[in-house]
Amino acid sequence: MSVTTLHITGMTCGHCVAAVTKALQAVGGVESAQVSLERQEAIVKGNAPADQLVRAVEGEGYKAKVV
């Protein structure tokens, strides 16, 4: 299992956090996803490829990059 940290921009509220969390958890290989509004980041545990995680976040309308 690996840990991937994503910097996410565009989140402004709890709904944003919920949407990003749900999108990340839907990616195959994700065991857990913790999204922080305050730090504008997500910590994802599992074996999902980083590019799929970024695409999932961007699919919800936010910007993401691997830290």
C-alpha atoms as a PDB file:
ATOM      1  CA  MET A   1       0.000   0.000   0.000  1.00  0.00           C
ATOM      2  CA  SER A   2       1.247   3.451  -0.855  1.00  0.00           C
ATOM      3  CA  VAL A   3       0.309   6.936   0.286  1.00  0.00           C
ATOM      4  CA  THR A   4      -0.299   9.709  -2.243  1.00  0.00           C
ATOM      5  CA  THR A   5      -0.702  13.351  -1.246  1.00  0.00           C
ATOM      6  CA  LEU A   6      -2.588  15.658  -3.590  1.00  0.00           C
ATOM      7  CA  HIS A   7      -2.693  19.446  -3.430  1.00  0.00           C
ATOM      8  CA  ILE A   8      -6.225  20.484  -4.394  1.00  0.00           C
ATOM      9  CA  THR A   9      -7.364  23.972  -5.320  1.00  0.00           C
ATOM     10  CA  GLY A  10     -10.904  25.250  -5.671  1.00  0.00           C
ATOM     11  CA  MET A  11     -12.461  23.701  -2.546  1.00  0.00           C
ATOM     12  CA  THR A  12     -14.390  26.263  -0.510  1.00  0.00           C
ATOM     13  CA  CYS A  13     -16.767  24.339   1.756  1.00  0.00           C
ATOM     14  CA  GLY A  14     -17.760  21.031   3.301  1.00  0.00           C
ATOM     15  CA  HIS A  15     -19.710  20.063   0.179  1.00  0.00           C
ATOM     16  CA  CYS A  16     -16.491  20.381  -1.830  1.00  0.00           C
ATOM     17  CA  VAL A  17     -14.677  18.114   0.623  1.00  0.00           C
ATOM     18  CA  ALA A  18     -17.467  15.537   0.413  1.00  0.00           C
ATOM     19  CA  ALA A  19     -17.462  15.601  -3.399  1.00  0.00           C
ATOM     20  CA  VAL A  20     -13.685  15.156  -3.617  1.00  0.00           C
ATOM     21  CA  THR A  21     -13.704  12.414  -0.979  1.00  0.00           C
ATOM     22  CA  LYS A  22     -16.441  10.502  -2.801  1.00  0.00           C
ATOM     23  CA  ALA A  23     -14.655  10.851  -6.151  1.00  0.00           C
ATOM     24  CA  LEU A  24     -11.369   9.586  -4.718  1.00  0.00           C
ATOM     25  CA  GLN A  25     -13.001   6.659  -2.938  1.00  0.00           C
ATOM     26  CA  ALA A  26     -14.606   5.602  -6.228  1.00  0.00           C
ATOM     27  CA  VAL A  27     -11.183   5.059  -7.844  1.00  0.00           C
ATOM     28  CA  GLY A  28     -10.179   1.415  -7.935  1.00  0.00           C
ATOM     29  CA  GLY A  29      -7.410   0.592  -5.480  1.00  0.00           C
ATOM     30  CA  VAL A  30      -8.185   3.373  -2.993  1.00  0.00           C
ATOM     31  CA  GLU A  31      -8.392   2.081   0.571  1.00  0.00           C
ATOM     32  CA  SER A  32      -8.975   5.452   2.235  1.00  0.00           C
ATOM     33  CA  ALA A  33      -9.049   9.138   1.362  1.00  0.00           C
ATOM     34  CA  GLN A  34      -8.777  11.968   3.885  1.00  0.00           C
ATOM     35  CA  VAL A  35      -9.510  15.406   2.446  1.00  0.00           C
ATOM     36  CA  SER A  36      -8.661  18.622   4.307  1.00  0.00           C
ATOM     37  CA  LEU A  37     -10.321  21.913   3.388  1.00  0.00           C
ATOM     38  CA  GLU A  38      -7.937  23.885   5.603  1.00  0.00           C
ATOM     39  CA  ARG A  39      -4.779  22.401   4.070  1.00  0.00           C
ATOM     40  CA  GLN A  40      -6.291  22.085   0.572  1.00  0.00           C
ATOM     41  CA  GLU A  41      -5.011  18.538   0.278  1.00  0.00           C
ATOM     42  CA  ALA A  42      -5.986  14.903   0.146  1.00  0.00           C
ATOM     43  CA  ILE A  43      -4.063  11.981   1.590  1.00  0.00           C
ATOM     44  CA  VAL A  44      -4.948   8.801  -0.245  1.00  0.00           C
ATOM     45  CA  LYS A  45      -3.924   5.322   0.852  1.00  0.00           C
ATOM     46  CA  GLY A  46      -4.012   2.355  -1.483  1.00  0.00           C
ATOM     47  CA  ASN A  47      -2.641   1.230  -4.815  1.00  0.00           C
ATOM     48  CA  ALA A  48      -4.476   3.553  -7.208  1.00  0.00           C
ATOM     49  CA  PRO A  49      -2.317   5.262  -9.851  1.00  0.00           C
ATOM     50  CA  ALA A  50      -1.741   8.946  -9.092  1.00  0.00           C
ATOM     51  CA  ASP A  51      -2.947  10.040 -12.531  1.00  0.00           C
ATOM     52  CA  GLN A  52      -6.316   8.381 -11.902  1.00  0.00           C
ATOM     53  CA  LEU A  53      -6.616  10.210  -8.573  1.00  0.00           C
ATOM     54  CA  VAL A  54      -5.895  13.546 -10.248  1.00  0.00           C
ATOM     55  CA  ARG A  55      -8.459  12.818 -12.995  1.00  0.00           C
ATOM     56  CA  ALA A  56     -11.088  11.905 -10.388  1.00  0.00           C
ATOM     57  CA  VAL A  57     -10.606  15.229  -8.574  1.00  0.00           C
ATOM     58  CA  GLU A  58     -10.557  17.212 -11.813  1.00  0.00           C
ATOM     59  CA  GLY A  59     -13.727  15.425 -12.888  1.00  0.00           C
ATOM     60  CA  GLU A  60     -15.454  17.120  -9.962  1.00  0.00           C
ATOM     61  CA  GLY A  61     -14.288  20.539 -11.152  1.00  0.00           C
ATOM     62  CA  TYR A  62     -11.240  21.078  -8.919  1.00  0.00           C
ATOM     63  CA  LYS A  63      -7.527  21.263  -9.740  1.00  0.00           C
ATOM     64  CA  ALA A  64      -5.163  18.672  -8.322  1.00  0.00           C
ATOM     65  CA  LYS A  65      -1.478  17.830  -8.468  1.00  0.00           C
ATOM     66  CA  VAL A  66       0.651  15.235  -6.735  1.00  0.00           C
ATOM     67  CA  VAL A  67       2.816  16.665  -3.964  1.00  0.00           C
END
